[in-house]
């Protein structure tokens, strides 16, 4: 607690590397990445599948987890997804069949 990512990497390189490379590990008793992605995915799958829209305001880490889950990407993909603060991501579909909608139209 209270350390920057760089400080943790310098103090405990083996634990830091394990955290980045093994989605099932949690060196200091935290939540493993795989469990986090699954938890966010379970939340996503319990949203109403009706015609209505849901807006979720979330931290970038939650958005990354939702994208990895929705796209059925390997957990390591989480570290390669950049989500900028105040950005918009649109997922459409239903449990087990999510789609990422990219808005590339010029305005």
PDB file of N, CA and C in Angstrom:
ATOM      1  N   UNK A   1       0.831  -1.189   0.000  1.00  0.00           N
ATOM      2  CA  UNK A   1       0.000   0.000   0.000  1.00  0.00           C
ATOM      3  C   UNK A   1       0.871   1.246   0.000  1.00  0.00           C
ATOM      4  N   UNK A   2       0.400   2.238  -0.699  1.00  0.00           N
ATOM      5  CA  UNK A   2       1.074   3.520  -0.677  1.00  0.00           C
ATOM      6  C   UNK A   2       2.295   3.607  -1.572  1.00  0.00           C
ATOM      7  N   UNK A   3       2.574   2.558  -2.343  1.00  0.00           N
ATOM      8  CA  UNK A   3       3.727   2.565  -3.227  1.00  0.00           C
ATOM      9  C   UNK A   3       3.282   2.755  -4.668  1.00  0.00           C
ATOM     10  N   UNK A   4       4.142   3.361  -5.442  1.00  0.00           N
ATOM     11  CA  UNK A   4       3.865   3.466  -6.878  1.00  0.00           C
ATOM     12  C   UNK A   4       4.146   2.114  -7.523  1.00  0.00           C
ATOM     13  N   UNK A   5       3.672   1.951  -8.731  1.00  0.00           N
ATOM     14  CA  UNK A   5       3.922   0.714  -9.460  1.00  0.00           C
ATOM     15  C   UNK A   5       5.420   0.490  -9.647  1.00  0.00           C
ATOM     16  N   UNK A   6       6.135   1.546  -9.961  1.00  0.00           N
ATOM     17  CA  UNK A   6       7.589   1.444 -10.146  1.00  0.00           C
ATOM     18  C   UNK A   6       8.284   1.037  -8.843  1.00  0.00           C
ATOM     19  N   UNK A   7       7.814   1.548  -7.722  1.00  0.00           N
ATOM     20  CA  UNK A   7       8.419   1.192  -6.435  1.00  0.00           C
ATOM     21  C   UNK A   7       8.181  -0.279  -6.103  1.00  0.00           C
ATOM     22  N   UNK A   8       6.998  -0.775  -6.378  1.00  0.00           N
ATOM     23  CA  UNK A   8       6.701  -2.191  -6.124  1.00  0.00           C
ATOM     24  C   UNK A   8       7.575  -3.063  -7.018  1.00  0.00           C
ATOM     25  N   UNK A   9       7.695  -2.690  -8.288  1.00  0.00           N
ATOM     26  CA  UNK A   9       8.528  -3.464  -9.220  1.00  0.00           C
ATOM     27  C   UNK A   9       9.981  -3.499  -8.762  1.00  0.00           C
ATOM     28  N   UNK A  10      10.463  -2.394  -8.212  1.00  0.00           N
ATOM     29  CA  UNK A  10      11.852  -2.335  -7.746  1.00  0.00           C
ATOM     30  C   UNK A  10      12.048  -3.119  -6.449  1.00  0.00           C
ATOM     31  N   UNK A  11      11.078  -3.066  -5.552  1.00  0.00           N
ATOM     32  CA  UNK A  11      11.204  -3.738  -4.259  1.00  0.00           C
ATOM     33  C   UNK A  11      10.988  -5.251  -4.337  1.00  0.00           C
ATOM     34  N   UNK A  12      10.053  -5.665  -5.171  1.00  0.00           N
ATOM     35  CA  UNK A  12       9.714  -7.084  -5.258  1.00  0.00           C
ATOM     36  C   UNK A  12       9.534  -7.506  -6.715  1.00  0.00           C
ATOM     37  N   UNK A  13      10.635  -7.553  -7.467  1.00  0.00           N
ATOM     38  CA  UNK A  13      10.524  -7.840  -8.896  1.00  0.00           C
ATOM     39  C   UNK A  13       9.888  -9.196  -9.223  1.00  0.00           C
ATOM     40  N   UNK A  14      10.168 -10.225  -8.462  1.00  0.00           N
ATOM     41  CA  UNK A  14       9.601 -11.545  -8.751  1.00  0.00           C
ATOM     42  C   UNK A  14       8.087 -11.548  -8.560  1.00  0.00           C
ATOM     43  N   UNK A  15       7.618 -10.963  -7.470  1.00  0.00           N
ATOM     44  CA  UNK A  15       6.182 -10.891  -7.211  1.00  0.00           C
ATOM     45  C   UNK A  15       5.498 -10.021  -8.259  1.00  0.00           C
ATOM     46  N   UNK A  16       6.150  -8.937  -8.624  1.00  0.00           N
ATOM     47  CA  UNK A  16       5.595  -8.033  -9.640  1.00  0.00           C
ATOM     48  C   UNK A  16       5.480  -8.744 -10.983  1.00  0.00           C
ATOM     49  N   UNK A  17       6.526  -9.457 -11.380  1.00  0.00           N
ATOM     50  CA  UNK A  17       6.491 -10.206 -12.639  1.00  0.00           C
ATOM     51  C   UNK A  17       5.418 -11.294 -12.622  1.00  0.00           C
ATOM     52  N   UNK A  18       5.276 -11.976 -11.488  1.00  0.00           N
ATOM     53  CA  UNK A  18       4.244 -13.011 -11.371  1.00  0.00           C
ATOM     54  C   UNK A  18       2.860 -12.397 -11.551  1.00  0.00           C
ATOM     55  N   UNK A  19       2.647 -11.243 -10.969  1.00  0.00           N
ATOM     56  CA  UNK A  19       1.355 -10.563 -11.067  1.00  0.00           C
ATOM     57  C   UNK A  19       1.034 -10.196 -12.515  1.00  0.00           C
ATOM     58  N   UNK A  20       2.063  -9.784 -13.265  1.00  0.00           N
ATOM     59  CA  UNK A  20       1.854  -9.381 -14.655  1.00  0.00           C
ATOM     60  C   UNK A  20       1.721 -10.561 -15.618  1.00  0.00           C
ATOM     61  N   UNK A  21       2.312 -11.681 -15.286  1.00  0.00           N
ATOM     62  CA  UNK A  21       2.365 -12.787 -16.238  1.00  0.00           C
ATOM     63  C   UNK A  21       1.440 -13.958 -15.928  1.00  0.00           C
ATOM     64  N   UNK A  22       0.979 -14.072 -14.695  1.00  0.00           N
ATOM     65  CA  UNK A  22       0.104 -15.187 -14.315  1.00  0.00           C
ATOM     66  C   UNK A  22      -1.215 -14.628 -13.795  1.00  0.00           C
ATOM     67  N   UNK A  23      -2.258 -14.734 -14.601  1.00  0.00           N
ATOM     68  CA  UNK A  23      -3.557 -14.137 -14.273  1.00  0.00           C
ATOM     69  C   UNK A  23      -4.220 -14.785 -13.054  1.00  0.00           C
ATOM     70  N   UNK A  24      -3.661 -15.902 -12.582  1.00  0.00           N
ATOM     71  CA  UNK A  24      -4.258 -16.587 -11.430  1.00  0.00           C
ATOM     72  C   UNK A  24      -3.544 -16.274 -10.116  1.00  0.00           C
ATOM     73  N   UNK A  25      -2.493 -15.494 -10.174  1.00  0.00           N
ATOM     74  CA  UNK A  25      -1.720 -15.225  -8.971  1.00  0.00           C
ATOM     75  C   UNK A  25      -2.053 -13.866  -8.368  1.00  0.00           C
ATOM     76  N   UNK A  26      -1.891 -13.792  -7.060  1.00  0.00           N
ATOM     77  CA  UNK A  26      -2.060 -12.540  -6.324  1.00  0.00           C
ATOM     78  C   UNK A  26      -1.020 -12.564  -5.211  1.00  0.00           C
ATOM     79  N   UNK A  27       0.205 -12.108  -5.513  1.00  0.00           N
ATOM     80  CA  UNK A  27       1.305 -12.242  -4.576  1.00  0.00           C
ATOM     81  C   UNK A  27       1.048 -11.730  -3.163  1.00  0.00           C
ATOM     82  N   UNK A  28       0.244 -10.726  -2.993  1.00  0.00           N
ATOM     83  CA  UNK A  28       0.024 -10.187  -1.649  1.00  0.00           C
ATOM     84  C   UNK A  28      -1.411 -10.341  -1.185  1.00  0.00           C
ATOM     85  N   UNK A  29      -2.061 -11.370  -1.675  1.00  0.00           N
ATOM     86  CA  UNK A  29      -3.398 -11.679  -1.194  1.00  0.00           C
ATOM     87  C   UNK A  29      -4.506 -10.856  -1.822  1.00  0.00           C
ATOM     88  N   UNK A  30      -4.195 -10.084  -2.827  1.00  0.00           N
ATOM     89  CA  UNK A  30      -5.232  -9.322  -3.514  1.00  0.00           C
ATOM     90  C   UNK A  30      -6.028 -10.224  -4.441  1.00  0.00           C
ATOM     91  N   UNK A  31      -6.813  -9.621  -5.291  1.00  0.00           N
ATOM     92  CA  UNK A  31      -7.638 -10.373  -6.235  1.00  0.00           C
ATOM     93  C   UNK A  31      -6.833 -10.690  -7.488  1.00  0.00           C
ATOM     94  N   UNK A  32      -6.729 -11.956  -7.872  1.00  0.00           N
ATOM     95  CA  UNK A  32      -6.031 -12.289  -9.117  1.00  0.00           C
ATOM     96  C   UNK A  32      -6.721 -11.638 -10.311  1.00  0.00           C
ATOM     97  N   UNK A  33      -5.964 -11.334 -11.335  1.00  0.00           N
ATOM     98  CA  UNK A  33      -6.508 -10.687 -12.522  1.00  0.00           C
ATOM     99  C   UNK A  33      -7.651 -11.495 -13.129  1.00  0.00           C
ATOM    100  N   UNK A  34      -7.498 -12.797 -13.209  1.00  0.00           N
ATOM    101  CA  UNK A  34      -8.548 -13.644 -13.778  1.00  0.00           C
ATOM    102  C   UNK A  34      -9.846 -13.527 -12.973  1.00  0.00           C
ATOM    103  N   UNK A  35      -9.740 -13.488 -11.660  1.00  0.00           N
ATOM    104  CA  UNK A  35     -10.931 -13.341 -10.818  1.00  0.00           C
ATOM    105  C   UNK A  35     -11.575 -11.970 -11.027  1.00  0.00           C
ATOM    106  N   UNK A  36     -10.764 -10.945 -11.191  1.00  0.00           N
ATOM    107  CA  UNK A  36     -11.279  -9.595 -11.442  1.00  0.00           C
ATOM    108  C   UNK A  36     -12.029  -9.547 -12.765  1.00  0.00           C
ATOM    109  N   UNK A  37     -11.432 -10.086 -13.811  1.00  0.00           N
ATOM    110  CA  UNK A  37     -12.083 -10.116 -15.127  1.00  0.00           C
ATOM    111  C   UNK A  37     -13.395 -10.898 -15.045  1.00  0.00           C
ATOM    112  N   UNK A  38     -13.382 -12.014 -14.359  1.00  0.00           N
ATOM    113  CA  UNK A  38     -14.585 -12.837 -14.209  1.00  0.00           C
ATOM    114  C   UNK A  38     -15.660 -12.099 -13.426  1.00  0.00           C
ATOM    115  N   UNK A  39     -15.268 -11.399 -12.369  1.00  0.00           N
ATOM    116  CA  UNK A  39     -16.235 -10.646 -11.555  1.00  0.00           C
ATOM    117  C   UNK A  39     -16.901  -9.555 -12.384  1.00  0.00           C
ATOM    118  N   UNK A  40     -16.111  -8.832 -13.161  1.00  0.00           N
ATOM    119  CA  UNK A  40     -16.664  -7.783 -14.010  1.00  0.00           C
ATOM    120  C   UNK A  40     -17.544  -8.405 -15.103  1.00  0.00           C
ATOM    121  N   UNK A  41     -17.112  -9.514 -15.668  1.00  0.00           N
ATOM    122  CA  UNK A  41     -17.913 -10.210 -16.679  1.00  0.00           C
ATOM    123  C   UNK A  41     -19.238 -10.704 -16.129  1.00  0.00           C
ATOM    124  N   UNK A  42     -19.222 -11.218 -14.906  1.00  0.00           N
ATOM    125  CA  UNK A  42     -20.470 -11.663 -14.287  1.00  0.00           C
ATOM    126  C   UNK A  42     -21.427 -10.489 -14.097  1.00  0.00           C
ATOM    127  N   UNK A  43     -20.886  -9.341 -13.709  1.00  0.00           N
ATOM    128  CA  UNK A  43     -21.727  -8.146 -13.593  1.00  0.00           C
ATOM    129  C   UNK A  43     -22.315  -7.787 -14.957  1.00  0.00           C
ATOM    130  N   UNK A  44     -21.468  -7.800 -15.977  1.00  0.00           N
ATOM    131  CA  UNK A  44     -21.920  -7.469 -17.325  1.00  0.00           C
ATOM    132  C   UNK A  44     -23.037  -8.416 -17.767  1.00  0.00           C
ATOM    133  N   UNK A  45     -22.869  -9.685 -17.487  1.00  0.00           N
ATOM    134  CA  UNK A  45     -23.856 -10.688 -17.902  1.00  0.00           C
ATOM    135  C   UNK A  45     -25.174 -10.596 -17.141  1.00  0.00           C
ATOM    136  N   UNK A  46     -25.219  -9.889 -16.045  1.00  0.00           N
ATOM    137  CA  UNK A  46     -26.467  -9.759 -15.286  1.00  0.00           C
ATOM    138  C   UNK A  46     -27.201  -8.460 -15.592  1.00  0.00           C
ATOM    139  N   UNK A  47     -26.711  -7.684 -16.526  1.00  0.00           N
ATOM    140  CA  UNK A  47     -27.427  -6.456 -16.917  1.00  0.00           C
ATOM    141  C   UNK A  47     -28.665  -6.858 -17.702  1.00  0.00           C
ATOM    142  N   UNK A  48     -29.730  -6.099 -17.571  1.00  0.00           N
ATOM    143  CA  UNK A  48     -30.959  -6.424 -18.312  1.00  0.00           C
ATOM    144  C   UNK A  48     -30.707  -6.487 -19.816  1.00  0.00           C
ATOM    145  N   UNK A  49     -31.260  -7.503 -20.462  1.00  0.00           N
ATOM    146  CA  UNK A  49     -31.077  -7.684 -21.902  1.00  0.00           C
ATOM    147  C   UNK A  49     -32.233  -7.092 -22.692  1.00  0.00           C
ATOM    148  N   UNK A  50     -32.937  -6.163 -22.095  1.00  0.00           N
ATOM    149  CA  UNK A  50     -34.069  -5.546 -22.776  1.00  0.00           C
ATOM    150  C   UNK A  50     -33.571  -4.497 -23.764  1.00  0.00           C
ATOM    151  N   UNK A  51     -34.506  -3.810 -24.405  1.00  0.00           N
ATOM    152  CA  UNK A  51     -34.154  -2.817 -25.415  1.00  0.00           C
ATOM    153  C   UNK A  51     -33.502  -1.569 -24.827  1.00  0.00           C
ATOM    154  N   UNK A  52     -33.595  -1.372 -23.547  1.00  0.00           N
ATOM    155  CA  UNK A  52     -33.038  -0.182 -22.917  1.00  0.00           C
ATOM    156  C   UNK A  52     -31.525  -0.178 -22.929  1.00  0.00           C
ATOM    157  N   UNK A  53     -30.979   0.984 -22.743  1.00  0.00           N
ATOM    158  CA  UNK A  53     -29.528   1.136 -22.678  1.00  0.00           C
ATOM    159  C   UNK A  53     -29.113   1.364 -21.238  1.00  0.00           C
ATOM    160  N   UNK A  54     -27.929   0.935 -20.923  1.00  0.00           N
ATOM    161  CA  UNK A  54     -27.369   1.151 -19.603  1.00  0.00           C
ATOM    162  C   UNK A  54     -26.073   1.923 -19.774  1.00  0.00           C
ATOM    163  N   UNK A  55     -25.899   2.914 -18.969  1.00  0.00           N
ATOM    164  CA  UNK A  55     -24.652   3.674 -18.960  1.00  0.00           C
ATOM    165  C   UNK A  55     -23.947   3.350 -17.657  1.00  0.00           C
ATOM    166  N   UNK A  56     -22.706   2.934 -17.757  1.00  0.00           N
ATOM    167  CA  UNK A  56     -21.902   2.634 -16.574  1.00  0.00           C
ATOM    168  C   UNK A  56     -20.688   3.555 -16.578  1.00  0.00           C
ATOM    169  N   UNK A  57     -20.504   4.240 -15.498  1.00  0.00           N
ATOM    170  CA  UNK A  57     -19.312   5.063 -15.332  1.00  0.00           C
ATOM    171  C   UNK A  57     -18.345   4.245 -14.488  1.00  0.00           C
ATOM    172  N   UNK A  58     -17.163   3.981 -15.047  1.00  0.00           N
ATOM    173  CA  UNK A  58     -16.248   3.059 -14.380  1.00  0.00           C
ATOM    174  C   UNK A  58     -14.800   3.494 -14.546  1.00  0.00           C
ATOM    175  N   UNK A  59     -13.977   3.000 -13.670  1.00  0.00           N
ATOM    176  CA  UNK A  59     -12.537   3.215 -13.747  1.00  0.00           C
ATOM    177  C   UNK A  59     -11.994   2.519 -14.994  1.00  0.00           C
ATOM    178  N   UNK A  60     -10.898   3.015 -15.560  1.00  0.00           N
ATOM    179  CA  UNK A  60     -10.306   2.362 -16.730  1.00  0.00           C
ATOM    180  C   UNK A  60     -10.021   0.871 -16.517  1.00  0.00           C
ATOM    181  N   UNK A  61      -9.626   0.480 -15.319  1.00  0.00           N
ATOM    182  CA  UNK A  61      -9.332  -0.931 -15.062  1.00  0.00           C
ATOM    183  C   UNK A  61     -10.577  -1.798 -15.231  1.00  0.00           C
ATOM    184  N   UNK A  62     -11.729  -1.292 -14.831  1.00  0.00           N
ATOM    185  CA  UNK A  62     -12.981  -2.032 -14.973  1.00  0.00           C
ATOM    186  C   UNK A  62     -13.368  -2.138 -16.449  1.00  0.00           C
ATOM    187  N   UNK A  63     -13.171  -1.060 -17.188  1.00  0.00           N
ATOM    188  CA  UNK A  63     -13.477  -1.080 -18.624  1.00  0.00           C
ATOM    189  C   UNK A  63     -12.576  -2.084 -19.336  1.00  0.00           C
ATOM    190  N   UNK A  64     -11.286  -2.089 -18.995  1.00  0.00           N
ATOM    191  CA  UNK A  64     -10.367  -3.070 -19.602  1.00  0.00           C
ATOM    192  C   UNK A  64     -10.840  -4.493 -19.316  1.00  0.00           C
ATOM    193  N   UNK A  65     -11.213  -4.760 -18.072  1.00  0.00           N
ATOM    194  CA  UNK A  65     -11.677  -6.098 -17.703  1.00  0.00           C
ATOM    195  C   UNK A  65     -12.940  -6.460 -18.473  1.00  0.00           C
ATOM    196  N   UNK A  66     -13.869  -5.520 -18.613  1.00  0.00           N
ATOM    197  CA  UNK A  66     -15.104  -5.784 -19.355  1.00  0.00           C
ATOM    198  C   UNK A  66     -14.806  -6.092 -20.822  1.00  0.00           C
ATOM    199  N   UNK A  67     -13.867  -5.365 -21.405  1.00  0.00           N
ATOM    200  CA  UNK A  67     -13.514  -5.608 -22.804  1.00  0.00           C
ATOM    201  C   UNK A  67     -12.870  -6.974 -22.987  1.00  0.00           C
ATOM    202  N   UNK A  68     -11.956  -7.331 -22.113  1.00  0.00           N
ATOM    203  CA  UNK A  68     -11.304  -8.644 -22.202  1.00  0.00           C
ATOM    204  C   UNK A  68     -12.355  -9.746 -22.079  1.00  0.00           C
ATOM    205  N   UNK A  69     -13.265  -9.584 -21.143  1.00  0.00           N
ATOM    206  CA  UNK A  69     -14.322 -10.584 -20.947  1.00  0.00           C
ATOM    207  C   UNK A  69     -15.245 -10.653 -22.162  1.00  0.00           C
ATOM    208  N   UNK A  70     -15.720  -9.505 -22.600  1.00  0.00           N
ATOM    209  CA  UNK A  70     -16.689  -9.463 -23.703  1.00  0.00           C
ATOM    210  C   UNK A  70     -16.115 -10.019 -24.997  1.00  0.00           C
ATOM    211  N   UNK A  71     -14.846  -9.769 -25.241  1.00  0.00           N
ATOM    212  CA  UNK A  71     -14.205 -10.234 -26.471  1.00  0.00           C
ATOM    213  C   UNK A  71     -13.611 -11.638 -26.336  1.00  0.00           C
ATOM    214  N   UNK A  72     -13.749 -12.217 -25.152  1.00  0.00           N
ATOM    215  CA  UNK A  72     -13.207 -13.557 -24.870  1.00  0.00           C
ATOM    216  C   UNK A  72     -11.708 -13.624 -25.189  1.00  0.00           C
ATOM    217  N   UNK A  73     -11.031 -12.546 -24.871  1.00  0.00           N
ATOM    218  CA  UNK A  73      -9.591 -12.460 -25.114  1.00  0.00           C
ATOM    219  C   UNK A  73      -8.833 -13.108 -23.953  1.00  0.00           C
ATOM    220  N   UNK A  74      -7.612 -13.537 -24.189  1.00  0.00           N
ATOM    221  CA  UNK A  74      -6.808 -14.083 -23.100  1.00  0.00           C
ATOM    222  C   UNK A  74      -6.606 -13.024 -22.016  1.00  0.00           C
ATOM    223  N   UNK A  75      -6.566 -13.423 -20.748  1.00  0.00           N
ATOM    224  CA  UNK A  75      -6.412 -12.455 -19.663  1.00  0.00           C
ATOM    225  C   UNK A  75      -5.214 -11.515 -19.828  1.00  0.00           C
ATOM    226  N   UNK A  76      -4.130 -11.995 -20.412  1.00  0.00           N
ATOM    227  CA  UNK A  76      -2.946 -11.143 -20.592  1.00  0.00           C
ATOM    228  C   UNK A  76      -3.235  -9.938 -21.480  1.00  0.00           C
ATOM    229  N   UNK A  77      -4.296 -10.011 -22.262  1.00  0.00           N
ATOM    230  CA  UNK A  77      -4.688  -8.893 -23.120  1.00  0.00           C
ATOM    231  C   UNK A  77      -5.010  -7.660 -22.287  1.00  0.00           C
ATOM    232  N   UNK A  78      -5.449  -7.874 -21.072  1.00  0.00           N
ATOM    233  CA  UNK A  78      -5.794  -6.774 -20.162  1.00  0.00           C
ATOM    234  C   UNK A  78      -4.692  -5.718 -20.112  1.00  0.00           C
ATOM    235  N   UNK A  79      -3.460  -6.155 -20.071  1.00  0.00           N
ATOM    236  CA  UNK A  79      -2.326  -5.235 -19.936  1.00  0.00           C
ATOM    237  C   UNK A  79      -2.044  -4.471 -21.229  1.00  0.00           C
ATOM    238  N   UNK A  80      -2.658  -4.865 -22.334  1.00  0.00           N
ATOM    239  CA  UNK A  80      -2.417  -4.222 -23.626  1.00  0.00           C
ATOM    240  C   UNK A  80      -3.566  -3.344 -24.096  1.00  0.00           C
ATOM    241  N   UNK A  81      -4.554  -3.146 -23.252  1.00  0.00           N
ATOM    242  CA  UNK A  81      -5.693  -2.300 -23.601  1.00  0.00           C
ATOM    243  C   UNK A  81      -5.554  -0.974 -22.857  1.00  0.00           C
ATOM    244  N   UNK A  82      -5.486   0.098 -23.614  1.00  0.00           N
ATOM    245  CA  UNK A  82      -5.420   1.431 -23.008  1.00  0.00           C
ATOM    246  C   UNK A  82      -6.807   2.055 -23.039  1.00  0.00           C
ATOM    247  N   UNK A  83      -7.279   2.445 -21.893  1.00  0.00           N
ATOM    248  CA  UNK A  83      -8.565   3.121 -21.773  1.00  0.00           C
ATOM    249  C   UNK A  83      -8.295   4.474 -21.140  1.00  0.00           C
ATOM    250  N   UNK A  84      -8.540   5.502 -21.884  1.00  0.00           N
ATOM    251  CA  UNK A  84      -8.301   6.846 -21.368  1.00  0.00           C
ATOM    252  C   UNK A  84      -9.450   7.285 -20.467  1.00  0.00           C
ATOM    253  N   UNK A  85      -9.130   8.042 -19.440  1.00  0.00           N
ATOM    254  CA  UNK A  85     -10.204   8.575 -18.590  1.00  0.00           C
ATOM    255  C   UNK A  85     -11.193   9.392 -19.424  1.00  0.00           C
ATOM    256  N   UNK A  86     -12.449   9.293 -19.084  1.00  0.00           N
ATOM    257  CA  UNK A  86     -13.554  10.000 -19.740  1.00  0.00           C
ATOM    258  C   UNK A  86     -13.782   9.562 -21.189  1.00  0.00           C
ATOM    259  N   UNK A  87     -13.263   8.396 -21.565  1.00  0.00           N
ATOM    260  CA  UNK A  87     -13.517   7.883 -22.910  1.00  0.00           C
ATOM    261  C   UNK A  87     -14.821   7.077 -22.901  1.00  0.00           C
ATOM    262  N   UNK A  88     -15.312   6.771 -24.082  1.00  0.00           N
ATOM    263  CA  UNK A  88     -16.556   6.030 -24.224  1.00  0.00           C
ATOM    264  C   UNK A  88     -16.283   4.690 -24.906  1.00  0.00           C
ATOM    265  N   UNK A  89     -16.850   3.647 -24.358  1.00  0.00           N
ATOM    266  CA  UNK A  89     -16.774   2.310 -24.933  1.00  0.00           C
ATOM    267  C   UNK A  89     -18.200   1.788 -25.015  1.00  0.00           C
ATOM    268  N   UNK A  90     -18.558   1.192 -26.141  1.00  0.00           N
ATOM    269  CA  UNK A  90     -19.907   0.653 -26.298  1.00  0.00           C
ATOM    270  C   UNK A  90     -19.842  -0.851 -26.526  1.00  0.00           C
ATOM    271  N   UNK A  91     -20.526  -1.578 -25.652  1.00  0.00           N
ATOM    272  CA  UNK A  91     -20.684  -3.020 -25.806  1.00  0.00           C
ATOM    273  C   UNK A  91     -22.154  -3.284 -26.099  1.00  0.00           C
ATOM    274  N   UNK A  92     -22.400  -4.107 -27.098  1.00  0.00           N
ATOM    275  CA  UNK A  92     -23.770  -4.498 -27.418  1.00  0.00           C
ATOM    276  C   UNK A  92     -23.858  -6.008 -27.375  1.00  0.00           C
ATOM    277  N   UNK A  93     -25.055  -6.525 -27.210  1.00  0.00           N
ATOM    278  CA  UNK A  93     -25.234  -7.967 -27.224  1.00  0.00           C
ATOM    279  C   UNK A  93     -25.972  -8.462 -26.014  1.00  0.00           C
ATOM    280  N   UNK A  94     -25.561  -9.634 -25.577  1.00  0.00           N
ATOM    281  CA  UNK A  94     -26.206 -10.301 -24.452  1.00  0.00           C
ATOM    282  C   UNK A  94     -25.179 -11.227 -23.803  1.00  0.00           C
ATOM    283  N   UNK A  95     -25.502 -11.786 -22.646  1.00  0.00           N
ATOM    284  CA  UNK A  95     -24.556 -12.674 -21.988  1.00  0.00           C
ATOM    285  C   UNK A  95     -24.026 -13.753 -22.930  1.00  0.00           C
ATOM    286  N   UNK A  96     -22.727 -13.870 -22.978  1.00  0.00           N
ATOM    287  CA  UNK A  96     -22.083 -14.875 -23.816  1.00  0.00           C
ATOM    288  C   UNK A  96     -21.862 -14.452 -25.254  1.00  0.00           C
ATOM    289  N   UNK A  97     -22.438 -13.330 -25.650  1.00  0.00           N
ATOM    290  CA  UNK A  97     -22.301 -12.881 -27.037  1.00  0.00           C
ATOM    291  C   UNK A  97     -22.230 -11.350 -27.074  1.00  0.00           C
ATOM    292  N   UNK A  98     -21.126 -10.835 -26.613  1.00  0.00           N
ATOM    293  CA  UNK A  98     -20.919  -9.390 -26.560  1.00  0.00           C
ATOM    294  C   UNK A  98     -20.121  -8.930 -27.769  1.00  0.00           C
ATOM    295  N   UNK A  99     -20.380  -7.708 -28.193  1.00  0.00           N
ATOM    296  CA  UNK A  99     -19.689  -7.109 -29.329  1.00  0.00           C
ATOM    297  C   UNK A  99     -19.183  -5.728 -28.940  1.00  0.00           C
ATOM    298  N   UNK A 100     -18.006  -5.410 -29.403  1.00  0.00           N
ATOM    299  CA  UNK A 100     -17.445  -4.079 -29.203  1.00  0.00           C
ATOM    300  C   UNK A 100     -17.848  -3.233 -30.389  1.00  0.00           C
ATOM    301  N   UNK A 101     -18.473  -2.105 -30.119  1.00  0.00           N
ATOM    302  CA  UNK A 101     -18.889  -1.193 -31.179  1.00  0.00           C
ATOM    303  C   UNK A 101     -17.948   0.004 -31.191  1.00  0.00           C
ATOM    304  N   UNK A 102     -17.267   0.171 -32.303  1.00  0.00           N
ATOM    305  CA  UNK A 102     -16.349   1.306 -32.457  1.00  0.00           C
ATOM    306  C   UNK A 102     -17.014   2.381 -33.292  1.00  0.00           C
ATOM    307  N   UNK A 103     -16.954   3.589 -32.817  1.00  0.00           N
ATOM    308  CA  UNK A 103     -17.524   4.718 -33.554  1.00  0.00           C
ATOM    309  C   UNK A 103     -16.388   5.429 -34.267  1.00  0.00           C
ATOM    310  N   UNK A 104     -16.284   5.201 -35.568  1.00  0.00           N
ATOM    311  CA  UNK A 104     -15.194   5.811 -36.331  1.00  0.00           C
ATOM    312  C   UNK A 104     -15.703   6.889 -37.271  1.00  0.00           C
ATOM    313  N   UNK A 105     -16.973   7.244 -37.145  1.00  0.00           N
ATOM    314  CA  UNK A 105     -17.542   8.264 -38.033  1.00  0.00           C
ATOM    315  C   UNK A 105     -16.914   9.622 -37.739  1.00  0.00           C
ATOM    316  N   UNK A 106     -16.654  10.366 -38.793  1.00  0.00           N
ATOM    317  CA  UNK A 106     -16.129  11.719 -38.640  1.00  0.00           C
ATOM    318  C   UNK A 106     -17.270  12.641 -38.236  1.00  0.00           C
ATOM    319  N   UNK A 107     -16.978  13.541 -37.361  1.00  0.00           N
ATOM    320  CA  UNK A 107     -18.014  14.484 -36.928  1.00  0.00           C
ATOM    321  C   UNK A 107     -17.651  15.872 -37.322  1.00  0.00           C
TER     322      UNK A 107
END
